[in-house]
Amino acid sequence: MNWPVSRNALTWLWISLLIIVLDQWSKVYFSNLLALYESIEVFPWLNWTLLHNYGAAFSFLDMPGGAQRWFFLVLTTVISIGLLIWLARTPRADRATAIPLVLILGGAIGNLIDRIRLGYVVDFIDVPITDSWHWPAFNVADSAICVGAVLMILLSFKKPDESTAD
């Protein structure tokens, strides 16, 4: 039987799925390992610290009352649908576009699962910068989103191929 070969970048969604699985597994693991706010030093520059983030990245919009939960649920869903449409319209061979998109999509869905299931996002990676200041805690999903965004920015400076230019 001949299966149709996808000509769009949706074939790269396995990377999103891998990120979602790693993200959810790590959040369950650290939620079982640590009590809320408990911290274990791994290296002088890295701690495992369990936190619950009711806001967005780096606790942005972490407000009492929880109305932001619904805002982030809707926003993340709309963005994820937009990313899927973008992937469907991207040629399969265009890895420079596809990889950043699937990284961001996997991270967004990983955090969306937390918001739906728990009402907050589980963070556990803590990077102390000084004795009194730590980089805001994050997780695997946040890391994928940041790497995808940085790749998109860096690749936006790349000259288009002569063969694809108008």
N, C-alpha and C. Protein backbone atom coordinates (compact mmCIF):
# COMPACT_ATOMS: atom_id res chain seq x y z
N MET A 1 0.85 -1.18 0.00
CA MET A 1 0.00 0.00 0.00
C MET A 1 0.89 1.24 0.00
N ASN A 2 0.59 2.19 -0.85
CA ASN A 2 1.33 3.45 -0.91
C ASN A 2 0.65 4.49 -0.06
N TRP A 3 1.37 4.99 0.94
CA TRP A 3 0.85 6.05 1.79
C TRP A 3 1.21 7.39 1.16
N PRO A 4 0.31 8.36 1.24
CA PRO A 4 0.64 9.66 0.66
C PRO A 4 1.79 10.32 1.42
N VAL A 5 2.67 10.92 0.68
CA VAL A 5 3.81 11.62 1.28
C VAL A 5 3.40 13.07 1.50
N SER A 6 3.54 13.53 2.74
CA SER A 6 3.18 14.90 3.05
C SER A 6 4.19 15.84 2.42
N ARG A 7 3.69 16.87 1.77
CA ARG A 7 4.57 17.85 1.14
C ARG A 7 4.71 19.10 2.00
N ASN A 8 4.10 19.08 3.19
CA ASN A 8 4.20 20.26 4.05
C ASN A 8 4.96 19.92 5.33
N ALA A 9 5.18 20.94 6.13
CA ALA A 9 6.02 20.81 7.33
C ALA A 9 5.30 20.14 8.50
N LEU A 10 4.06 19.72 8.32
CA LEU A 10 3.38 19.00 9.41
C LEU A 10 4.09 17.70 9.75
N THR A 11 4.92 17.19 8.86
CA THR A 11 5.68 15.98 9.15
C THR A 11 6.68 16.18 10.28
N TRP A 12 6.98 17.44 10.61
CA TRP A 12 7.91 17.74 11.69
C TRP A 12 7.23 17.77 13.06
N LEU A 13 5.93 17.51 13.11
CA LEU A 13 5.20 17.56 14.38
C LEU A 13 5.68 16.53 15.40
N TRP A 14 6.42 15.52 14.96
CA TRP A 14 6.95 14.54 15.93
C TRP A 14 7.87 15.23 16.95
N ILE A 15 8.51 16.32 16.54
CA ILE A 15 9.36 17.07 17.47
C ILE A 15 8.49 17.72 18.54
N SER A 16 7.37 18.29 18.15
CA SER A 16 6.43 18.87 19.13
C SER A 16 5.96 17.80 20.10
N LEU A 17 5.62 16.64 19.58
CA LEU A 17 5.16 15.54 20.44
C LEU A 17 6.25 15.13 21.43
N LEU A 18 7.48 15.05 20.97
CA LEU A 18 8.60 14.71 21.85
C LEU A 18 8.76 15.75 22.97
N ILE A 19 8.65 17.01 22.62
CA ILE A 19 8.75 18.09 23.62
C ILE A 19 7.61 17.96 24.64
N ILE A 20 6.40 17.72 24.17
CA ILE A 20 5.25 17.59 25.07
C ILE A 20 5.46 16.43 26.04
N VAL A 21 5.91 15.30 25.53
CA VAL A 21 6.14 14.12 26.39
C VAL A 21 7.24 14.40 27.41
N LEU A 22 8.37 14.95 26.97
CA LEU A 22 9.46 15.26 27.90
C LEU A 22 9.03 16.30 28.94
N ASP A 23 8.29 17.30 28.49
CA ASP A 23 7.83 18.35 29.39
C ASP A 23 6.89 17.77 30.45
N GLN A 24 5.89 17.02 30.03
CA GLN A 24 4.92 16.48 30.98
C GLN A 24 5.57 15.46 31.92
N TRP A 25 6.45 14.62 31.38
CA TRP A 25 7.13 13.65 32.23
C TRP A 25 7.98 14.37 33.29
N SER A 26 8.74 15.38 32.86
CA SER A 26 9.61 16.08 33.81
C SER A 26 8.79 16.80 34.88
N LYS A 27 7.66 17.36 34.52
CA LYS A 27 6.82 18.06 35.49
C LYS A 27 6.24 17.09 36.52
N VAL A 28 5.81 15.92 36.07
CA VAL A 28 5.31 14.90 37.00
C VAL A 28 6.45 14.43 37.90
N TYR A 29 7.61 14.18 37.31
CA TYR A 29 8.76 13.71 38.08
C TYR A 29 9.13 14.68 39.20
N PHE A 30 9.29 15.97 38.84
CA PHE A 30 9.70 16.94 39.85
C PHE A 30 8.58 17.28 40.83
N SER A 31 7.34 17.17 40.41
CA SER A 31 6.22 17.36 41.34
C SER A 31 6.17 16.25 42.38
N ASN A 32 6.59 15.05 42.00
CA ASN A 32 6.65 13.93 42.95
C ASN A 32 7.92 13.95 43.79
N LEU A 33 8.99 14.51 43.24
CA LEU A 33 10.27 14.56 43.95
C LEU A 33 10.30 15.66 45.01
N LEU A 34 9.71 16.81 44.70
CA LEU A 34 9.84 17.98 45.56
C LEU A 34 8.50 18.46 46.09
N ALA A 35 8.54 19.05 47.27
CA ALA A 35 7.37 19.77 47.79
C ALA A 35 7.40 21.17 47.19
N LEU A 36 6.25 21.83 47.14
CA LEU A 36 6.19 23.19 46.60
C LEU A 36 7.21 24.08 47.32
N TYR A 37 8.00 24.79 46.56
CA TYR A 37 9.08 25.71 47.01
C TYR A 37 10.32 24.98 47.52
N GLU A 38 10.30 23.66 47.57
CA GLU A 38 11.51 22.93 47.97
C GLU A 38 12.54 23.03 46.87
N SER A 39 13.81 23.13 47.27
CA SER A 39 14.89 23.32 46.31
C SER A 39 16.03 22.35 46.59
N ILE A 40 16.59 21.81 45.52
CA ILE A 40 17.77 20.94 45.61
C ILE A 40 18.84 21.54 44.71
N GLU A 41 20.01 21.81 45.29
CA GLU A 41 21.12 22.35 44.48
C GLU A 41 21.73 21.21 43.67
N VAL A 42 21.82 21.40 42.37
CA VAL A 42 22.45 20.44 41.47
C VAL A 42 23.89 20.87 41.22
N PHE A 43 24.06 22.13 40.90
CA PHE A 43 25.35 22.80 40.73
C PHE A 43 25.21 24.18 41.35
N PRO A 44 26.29 24.90 41.58
CA PRO A 44 26.14 26.25 42.13
C PRO A 44 25.29 27.16 41.25
N TRP A 45 25.18 26.85 39.98
CA TRP A 45 24.43 27.67 39.03
C TRP A 45 23.09 27.04 38.61
N LEU A 46 22.69 25.92 39.26
CA LEU A 46 21.44 25.25 38.88
C LEU A 46 20.81 24.56 40.08
N ASN A 47 19.53 24.84 40.29
CA ASN A 47 18.75 24.18 41.33
C ASN A 47 17.50 23.56 40.71
N TRP A 48 17.01 22.49 41.32
CA TRP A 48 15.66 22.01 41.03
C TRP A 48 14.78 22.62 42.12
N THR A 49 13.82 23.43 41.75
CA THR A 49 12.93 24.09 42.70
C THR A 49 11.52 24.03 42.15
N LEU A 50 10.61 23.42 42.90
CA LEU A 50 9.23 23.28 42.43
C LEU A 50 8.44 24.55 42.70
N LEU A 51 7.89 25.12 41.62
CA LEU A 51 7.06 26.32 41.72
C LEU A 51 5.83 26.16 40.85
N HIS A 52 4.76 26.86 41.19
CA HIS A 52 3.54 26.88 40.39
C HIS A 52 3.38 28.29 39.83
N ASN A 53 3.33 28.39 38.52
CA ASN A 53 3.26 29.68 37.83
C ASN A 53 1.84 29.89 37.31
N TYR A 54 1.15 30.85 37.89
CA TYR A 54 -0.22 31.16 37.48
C TYR A 54 -0.24 32.21 36.36
N GLY A 55 0.91 32.79 36.05
CA GLY A 55 1.00 33.81 35.02
C GLY A 55 1.55 33.23 33.73
N ALA A 56 2.19 34.09 32.96
CA ALA A 56 2.82 33.66 31.70
C ALA A 56 4.30 33.48 31.96
N ALA A 57 5.09 33.60 30.91
CA ALA A 57 6.53 33.42 31.03
C ALA A 57 7.08 34.31 32.13
N PHE A 58 7.89 33.75 32.97
CA PHE A 58 8.53 34.45 34.08
C PHE A 58 7.52 35.09 35.02
N SER A 59 6.36 34.44 35.17
CA SER A 59 5.27 34.86 36.07
C SER A 59 4.63 36.18 35.66
N PHE A 60 4.81 36.59 34.42
CA PHE A 60 4.16 37.79 33.90
C PHE A 60 2.64 37.62 34.01
N LEU A 61 1.96 38.61 34.51
CA LEU A 61 0.51 38.62 34.71
C LEU A 61 0.04 37.60 35.74
N ASP A 62 0.88 37.29 36.69
CA ASP A 62 0.48 36.39 37.79
C ASP A 62 -0.33 37.23 38.78
N MET A 63 -1.65 37.21 38.60
CA MET A 63 -2.52 38.07 39.39
C MET A 63 -3.47 37.23 40.24
N PRO A 64 -3.88 37.77 41.38
CA PRO A 64 -4.87 37.06 42.18
C PRO A 64 -6.20 37.01 41.43
N GLY A 65 -6.98 36.00 41.68
CA GLY A 65 -8.30 35.87 41.08
C GLY A 65 -8.34 34.85 39.96
N GLY A 66 -7.26 34.68 39.24
CA GLY A 66 -7.17 33.62 38.24
C GLY A 66 -7.81 33.91 36.90
N ALA A 67 -8.27 35.13 36.65
CA ALA A 67 -8.89 35.43 35.35
C ALA A 67 -7.89 35.24 34.21
N GLN A 68 -6.61 35.43 34.48
CA GLN A 68 -5.59 35.29 33.45
C GLN A 68 -5.51 33.86 32.94
N ARG A 69 -5.96 32.88 33.74
CA ARG A 69 -5.93 31.48 33.30
C ARG A 69 -6.72 31.32 32.01
N TRP A 70 -7.92 31.88 31.95
CA TRP A 70 -8.77 31.76 30.77
C TRP A 70 -8.19 32.54 29.61
N PHE A 71 -7.61 33.69 29.90
CA PHE A 71 -6.96 34.48 28.86
C PHE A 71 -5.84 33.67 28.21
N PHE A 72 -4.98 33.03 29.05
CA PHE A 72 -3.87 32.26 28.52
C PHE A 72 -4.34 30.98 27.81
N LEU A 73 -5.41 30.38 28.28
CA LEU A 73 -5.96 29.21 27.60
C LEU A 73 -6.40 29.57 26.18
N VAL A 74 -7.14 30.65 26.06
CA VAL A 74 -7.63 31.08 24.74
C VAL A 74 -6.46 31.52 23.87
N LEU A 75 -5.58 32.36 24.42
CA LEU A 75 -4.45 32.86 23.65
C LEU A 75 -3.56 31.72 23.13
N THR A 76 -3.24 30.77 24.00
CA THR A 76 -2.38 29.65 23.61
C THR A 76 -3.06 28.78 22.56
N THR A 77 -4.35 28.58 22.70
CA THR A 77 -5.08 27.78 21.71
C THR A 77 -5.07 28.46 20.34
N VAL A 78 -5.33 29.76 20.32
CA VAL A 78 -5.33 30.52 19.06
C VAL A 78 -3.94 30.50 18.42
N ILE A 79 -2.90 30.72 19.23
CA ILE A 79 -1.53 30.70 18.72
C ILE A 79 -1.18 29.32 18.18
N SER A 80 -1.56 28.27 18.89
CA SER A 80 -1.26 26.91 18.45
C SER A 80 -1.94 26.59 17.11
N ILE A 81 -3.18 27.03 16.96
CA ILE A 81 -3.88 26.83 15.68
C ILE A 81 -3.17 27.60 14.57
N GLY A 82 -2.76 28.82 14.87
CA GLY A 82 -2.01 29.62 13.90
C GLY A 82 -0.71 28.95 13.49
N LEU A 83 0.00 28.38 14.46
CA LEU A 83 1.26 27.68 14.17
C LEU A 83 1.02 26.45 13.30
N LEU A 84 -0.07 25.72 13.57
CA LEU A 84 -0.41 24.54 12.76
C LEU A 84 -0.72 24.94 11.32
N ILE A 85 -1.45 26.03 11.15
CA ILE A 85 -1.76 26.52 9.80
C ILE A 85 -0.47 26.93 9.09
N TRP A 86 0.40 27.63 9.81
CA TRP A 86 1.69 28.05 9.24
C TRP A 86 2.49 26.83 8.80
N LEU A 87 2.54 25.80 9.65
CA LEU A 87 3.25 24.57 9.29
C LEU A 87 2.64 23.90 8.06
N ALA A 88 1.32 23.88 8.00
CA ALA A 88 0.63 23.25 6.87
C ALA A 88 0.94 23.98 5.56
N ARG A 89 1.24 25.26 5.64
CA ARG A 89 1.54 26.06 4.45
C ARG A 89 3.04 26.16 4.17
N THR A 90 3.86 25.56 5.04
CA THR A 90 5.31 25.59 4.87
C THR A 90 5.75 24.32 4.17
N PRO A 91 6.60 24.43 3.15
CA PRO A 91 7.09 23.22 2.49
C PRO A 91 7.88 22.33 3.47
N ARG A 92 7.73 21.05 3.30
CA ARG A 92 8.38 20.08 4.17
C ARG A 92 9.89 20.31 4.25
N ALA A 93 10.51 20.67 3.16
CA ALA A 93 11.97 20.83 3.12
C ALA A 93 12.46 22.11 3.80
N ASP A 94 11.55 23.01 4.14
CA ASP A 94 11.94 24.28 4.76
C ASP A 94 12.13 24.10 6.27
N ARG A 95 13.22 23.42 6.62
CA ARG A 95 13.51 23.15 8.04
C ARG A 95 13.75 24.42 8.84
N ALA A 96 14.29 25.43 8.20
CA ALA A 96 14.60 26.68 8.90
C ALA A 96 13.34 27.35 9.43
N THR A 97 12.22 27.12 8.79
CA THR A 97 10.94 27.63 9.28
C THR A 97 10.27 26.61 10.18
N ALA A 98 10.29 25.35 9.77
CA ALA A 98 9.54 24.30 10.47
C ALA A 98 10.06 24.03 11.89
N ILE A 99 11.36 23.92 12.06
CA ILE A 99 11.91 23.54 13.38
C ILE A 99 11.56 24.57 14.45
N PRO A 100 11.80 25.86 14.22
CA PRO A 100 11.39 26.82 15.26
C PRO A 100 9.88 26.75 15.56
N LEU A 101 9.06 26.58 14.51
CA LEU A 101 7.61 26.52 14.73
C LEU A 101 7.20 25.32 15.57
N VAL A 102 7.78 24.14 15.30
CA VAL A 102 7.39 22.96 16.08
C VAL A 102 7.93 23.02 17.50
N LEU A 103 9.07 23.69 17.71
CA LEU A 103 9.58 23.89 19.07
C LEU A 103 8.62 24.76 19.87
N ILE A 104 8.20 25.88 19.27
CA ILE A 104 7.27 26.78 19.95
C ILE A 104 5.93 26.09 20.18
N LEU A 105 5.44 25.37 19.20
CA LEU A 105 4.16 24.66 19.33
C LEU A 105 4.21 23.61 20.43
N GLY A 106 5.27 22.81 20.47
CA GLY A 106 5.40 21.79 21.51
C GLY A 106 5.44 22.40 22.90
N GLY A 107 6.18 23.49 23.05
CA GLY A 107 6.24 24.17 24.34
C GLY A 107 4.91 24.78 24.73
N ALA A 108 4.25 25.40 23.77
CA ALA A 108 2.95 26.03 24.06
C ALA A 108 1.93 24.98 24.51
N ILE A 109 1.90 23.85 23.83
CA ILE A 109 0.94 22.79 24.19
C ILE A 109 1.31 22.16 25.52
N GLY A 110 2.61 22.00 25.79
CA GLY A 110 3.03 21.46 27.09
C GLY A 110 2.52 22.31 28.24
N ASN A 111 2.66 23.62 28.12
CA ASN A 111 2.16 24.51 29.18
C ASN A 111 0.64 24.61 29.17
N LEU A 112 0.03 24.50 27.99
CA LEU A 112 -1.43 24.52 27.90
C LEU A 112 -2.04 23.33 28.64
N ILE A 113 -1.42 22.18 28.52
CA ILE A 113 -1.89 20.98 29.24
C ILE A 113 -1.91 21.25 30.75
N ASP A 114 -0.85 21.88 31.26
CA ASP A 114 -0.80 22.22 32.69
C ASP A 114 -1.94 23.15 33.07
N ARG A 115 -2.16 24.19 32.27
CA ARG A 115 -3.21 25.16 32.60
C ARG A 115 -4.59 24.51 32.61
N ILE A 116 -4.83 23.61 31.65
CA ILE A 116 -6.12 22.92 31.60
C ILE A 116 -6.25 21.97 32.78
N ARG A 117 -5.21 21.19 33.03
CA ARG A 117 -5.26 20.14 34.05
C ARG A 117 -5.14 20.67 35.47
N LEU A 118 -4.27 21.67 35.68
CA LEU A 118 -3.94 22.10 37.03
C LEU A 118 -4.36 23.54 37.35
N GLY A 119 -4.52 24.36 36.33
CA GLY A 119 -4.82 25.78 36.56
C GLY A 119 -3.57 26.63 36.68
N TYR A 120 -2.41 26.03 36.56
CA TYR A 120 -1.11 26.72 36.64
C TYR A 120 -0.09 25.89 35.87
N VAL A 121 1.07 26.47 35.66
CA VAL A 121 2.16 25.78 34.98
C VAL A 121 3.21 25.38 36.02
N VAL A 122 3.67 24.15 35.94
CA VAL A 122 4.71 23.65 36.85
C VAL A 122 6.07 24.08 36.32
N ASP A 123 6.83 24.78 37.14
CA ASP A 123 8.20 25.18 36.83
C ASP A 123 9.13 24.51 37.84
N PHE A 124 10.34 24.17 37.40
CA PHE A 124 11.26 23.48 38.32
C PHE A 124 12.73 23.77 38.06
N ILE A 125 13.06 24.46 36.99
CA ILE A 125 14.46 24.78 36.71
C ILE A 125 14.74 26.17 37.26
N ASP A 126 15.68 26.25 38.18
CA ASP A 126 15.99 27.48 38.89
C ASP A 126 17.47 27.79 38.69
N VAL A 127 17.75 28.96 38.15
CA VAL A 127 19.14 29.37 37.88
C VAL A 127 19.47 30.58 38.73
N PRO A 128 20.26 30.37 39.81
CA PRO A 128 20.67 31.52 40.63
C PRO A 128 21.71 32.36 39.88
N ILE A 129 21.47 33.66 39.82
CA ILE A 129 22.41 34.57 39.16
C ILE A 129 23.36 35.16 40.21
N THR A 130 22.80 35.57 41.34
CA THR A 130 23.59 36.03 42.48
C THR A 130 23.01 35.34 43.72
N ASP A 131 23.56 35.63 44.88
CA ASP A 131 23.03 35.03 46.11
C ASP A 131 21.60 35.49 46.39
N SER A 132 21.24 36.67 45.92
CA SER A 132 19.92 37.21 46.23
C SER A 132 18.98 37.29 45.03
N TRP A 133 19.45 36.95 43.82
CA TRP A 133 18.57 37.04 42.66
C TRP A 133 18.70 35.79 41.79
N HIS A 134 17.55 35.23 41.43
CA HIS A 134 17.50 34.04 40.58
C HIS A 134 16.77 34.39 39.29
N TRP A 135 17.23 33.80 38.19
CA TRP A 135 16.48 33.90 36.95
C TRP A 135 15.11 33.29 37.22
N PRO A 136 14.04 33.83 36.66
CA PRO A 136 12.72 33.25 36.92
C PRO A 136 12.69 31.76 36.54
N ALA A 137 12.08 30.94 37.39
CA ALA A 137 12.03 29.49 37.18
C ALA A 137 11.31 29.18 35.87
N PHE A 138 11.71 28.06 35.25
CA PHE A 138 11.13 27.67 33.97
C PHE A 138 11.08 26.15 33.87
N ASN A 139 10.69 25.64 32.71
CA ASN A 139 10.53 24.20 32.50
C ASN A 139 10.95 23.84 31.08
N VAL A 140 10.77 22.59 30.70
CA VAL A 140 11.15 22.12 29.37
C VAL A 140 10.36 22.86 28.28
N ALA A 141 9.07 23.04 28.50
CA ALA A 141 8.23 23.74 27.51
C ALA A 141 8.72 25.17 27.30
N ASP A 142 9.00 25.87 28.39
CA ASP A 142 9.52 27.24 28.28
C ASP A 142 10.83 27.26 27.49
N SER A 143 11.68 26.28 27.75
CA SER A 143 12.96 26.20 27.04
C SER A 143 12.75 26.02 25.54
N ALA A 144 11.82 25.15 25.16
CA ALA A 144 11.53 24.92 23.75
C ALA A 144 10.99 26.18 23.08
N ILE A 145 10.11 26.88 23.78
CA ILE A 145 9.56 28.13 23.24
C ILE A 145 10.67 29.15 23.02
N CYS A 146 11.54 29.31 24.00
CA CYS A 146 12.64 30.28 23.89
C CYS A 146 13.61 29.91 22.78
N VAL A 147 13.99 28.64 22.69
CA VAL A 147 14.91 28.22 21.63
C VAL A 147 14.25 28.44 20.27
N GLY A 148 12.98 28.07 20.13
CA GLY A 148 12.27 28.29 18.87
C GLY A 148 12.20 29.76 18.50
N ALA A 149 11.91 30.62 19.46
CA ALA A 149 11.82 32.06 19.20
C ALA A 149 13.18 32.64 18.80
N VAL A 150 14.24 32.22 19.50
CA VAL A 150 15.59 32.70 19.15
C VAL A 150 15.97 32.24 17.75
N LEU A 151 15.66 30.98 17.42
CA LEU A 151 15.95 30.49 16.07
C LEU A 151 15.20 31.29 15.01
N MET A 152 13.93 31.59 15.30
CA MET A 152 13.16 32.39 14.34
C MET A 152 13.80 33.76 14.13
N ILE A 153 14.22 34.38 15.21
CA ILE A 153 14.85 35.70 15.10
C ILE A 153 16.16 35.61 14.32
N LEU A 154 17.00 34.64 14.68
CA LEU A 154 18.29 34.49 13.99
C LEU A 154 18.09 34.18 12.52
N LEU A 155 17.15 33.29 12.22
CA LEU A 155 16.93 32.90 10.82
C LEU A 155 16.27 34.01 10.01
N SER A 156 15.66 34.97 10.68
CA SER A 156 15.05 36.08 9.95
C SER A 156 16.11 36.98 9.32
N PHE A 157 17.35 36.90 9.80
CA PHE A 157 18.44 37.69 9.24
C PHE A 157 19.10 36.99 8.05
N LYS A 158 18.74 35.72 7.83
CA LYS A 158 19.34 34.96 6.74
C LYS A 158 18.79 35.44 5.41
N LYS A 159 19.67 35.54 4.43
CA LYS A 159 19.26 35.93 3.09
C LYS A 159 18.44 34.80 2.47
N PRO A 160 17.35 35.13 1.78
CA PRO A 160 16.58 34.09 1.12
C PRO A 160 17.39 33.44 -0.01
N ASP A 161 17.11 32.16 -0.25
CA ASP A 161 17.79 31.46 -1.35
C ASP A 161 17.43 32.14 -2.67
N GLU A 162 18.40 32.17 -3.57
CA GLU A 162 18.15 32.75 -4.89
C GLU A 162 17.04 31.98 -5.61
N SER A 163 16.99 30.68 -5.40
CA SER A 163 16.01 29.85 -6.10
C SER A 163 14.58 30.12 -5.62
N THR A 164 14.40 30.61 -4.38
CA THR A 164 13.05 30.85 -3.86
C THR A 164 12.67 32.32 -3.90
N ALA A 165 13.62 33.19 -4.23
CA ALA A 165 13.33 34.63 -4.29
C ALA A 165 12.47 34.94 -5.51
N ASP A 166 11.63 35.98 -5.38
CA ASP A 166 10.76 36.37 -6.51
C ASP A 166 11.55 37.08 -7.58
